[in-house]
Amino acid sequence: MPSMGGWEWVILALIALLLFGGSRLAGIGKSTGKAIREFKEETASLRSTPAEPVPPVTTTPPQAASPVDPEPNTDAKT
């Protein structure tokens, strides 16, 4: 897949400007920048704190199905 050159980026920016308008593009850029900054801060804080040990998951073996008592024979003559 070929990489995008300068003219492709210019055309893409003009199309985005026509679709969204200048003020809306500025808001999108601002919120995207804020999200990226918060993501970087959170990943940095996760890397700086030591990881807590995770307790091992214990599973219980499945219980054997208990045999079902057959229903008493009610048709039997007594």
Protein backbone atom coordinates (compact mmCIF):
# COMPACT_ATOMS: atom_id res chain seq x y z
CA MET A 1 0.00 0.00 0.00
CA PRO A 2 1.57 3.30 -1.02
CA SER A 3 2.13 5.98 1.59
CA MET A 4 0.32 9.30 1.44
CA GLY A 5 2.28 12.24 0.07
CA GLY A 6 1.84 15.96 0.63
CA TRP A 7 -0.93 16.52 -1.90
CA GLU A 8 -2.99 13.65 -0.56
CA TRP A 9 -2.89 15.17 2.93
CA VAL A 10 -3.88 18.59 1.56
CA ILE A 11 -6.83 17.11 -0.33
CA LEU A 12 -7.88 15.13 2.75
CA ALA A 13 -7.70 18.27 4.93
CA LEU A 14 -9.81 20.25 2.43
CA ILE A 15 -12.46 17.52 2.33
CA ALA A 16 -12.57 17.42 6.15
CA LEU A 17 -12.85 21.22 6.23
CA LEU A 18 -15.75 21.15 3.79
CA LEU A 19 -17.54 18.35 5.67
CA PHE A 20 -17.15 19.61 9.24
CA GLY A 21 -16.37 23.32 9.04
CA GLY A 22 -13.53 25.20 10.72
CA SER A 23 -14.95 25.60 14.21
CA ARG A 24 -16.06 21.98 14.45
CA LEU A 25 -12.65 20.74 13.26
CA ALA A 26 -10.99 22.88 15.95
CA GLY A 27 -13.22 21.31 18.61
CA ILE A 28 -12.49 17.80 17.29
CA GLY A 29 -8.75 18.51 17.37
CA LYS A 30 -8.94 19.92 20.89
CA SER A 31 -10.88 16.95 22.27
CA THR A 32 -8.61 14.48 20.47
CA GLY A 33 -5.52 16.16 21.92
CA LYS A 34 -7.02 16.10 25.40
CA ALA A 35 -7.88 12.41 25.10
CA ILE A 36 -4.37 11.53 23.91
CA ARG A 37 -2.81 13.57 26.75
CA GLU A 38 -4.99 11.84 29.38
CA PHE A 39 -4.18 8.44 27.90
CA LYS A 40 -0.44 9.14 28.09
CA GLU A 41 -0.75 10.31 31.70
CA GLU A 42 -2.67 7.20 32.72
CA THR A 43 -0.27 4.81 30.99
CA ALA A 44 2.68 6.60 32.61
CA SER A 45 1.08 6.29 36.05
CA LEU A 46 0.35 2.61 35.48
CA ARG A 47 3.94 1.97 34.50
CA SER A 48 5.33 3.84 37.51
CA THR A 49 3.24 1.99 40.13
CA PRO A 50 4.29 -1.55 40.99
CA ALA A 51 1.92 -4.22 39.88
CA GLU A 52 -0.10 -5.88 42.59
CA PRO A 53 0.14 -9.65 42.66
CA VAL A 54 -2.95 -11.28 41.31
CA PRO A 55 -4.23 -14.15 43.45
CA PRO A 56 -4.42 -17.43 41.59
CA VAL A 57 -7.80 -18.43 40.34
CA THR A 58 -9.00 -21.61 41.93
CA THR A 59 -11.60 -23.68 40.26
CA THR A 60 -13.55 -26.42 41.89
CA PRO A 61 -13.95 -29.65 40.01
CA PRO A 62 -17.45 -30.20 38.72
CA GLN A 63 -19.66 -32.15 41.05
CA ALA A 64 -20.73 -35.57 39.90
CA ALA A 65 -24.39 -35.63 39.11
CA SER A 66 -26.29 -37.46 41.79
CA PRO A 67 -28.47 -40.24 40.47
CA VAL A 68 -32.10 -39.34 40.36
CA ASP A 69 -34.33 -41.57 42.40
CA PRO A 70 -36.83 -43.24 40.13
CA GLU A 71 -40.37 -42.31 40.79
CA PRO A 72 -42.26 -44.87 42.82
CA ASN A 73 -44.41 -47.17 40.79
CA THR A 74 -47.91 -45.95 41.51
CA ASP A 75 -49.52 -48.38 39.07
CA ALA A 76 -48.45 -51.42 41.08
CA LYS A 77 -51.23 -53.38 42.68
CA THR A 78 -50.84 -53.84 46.37
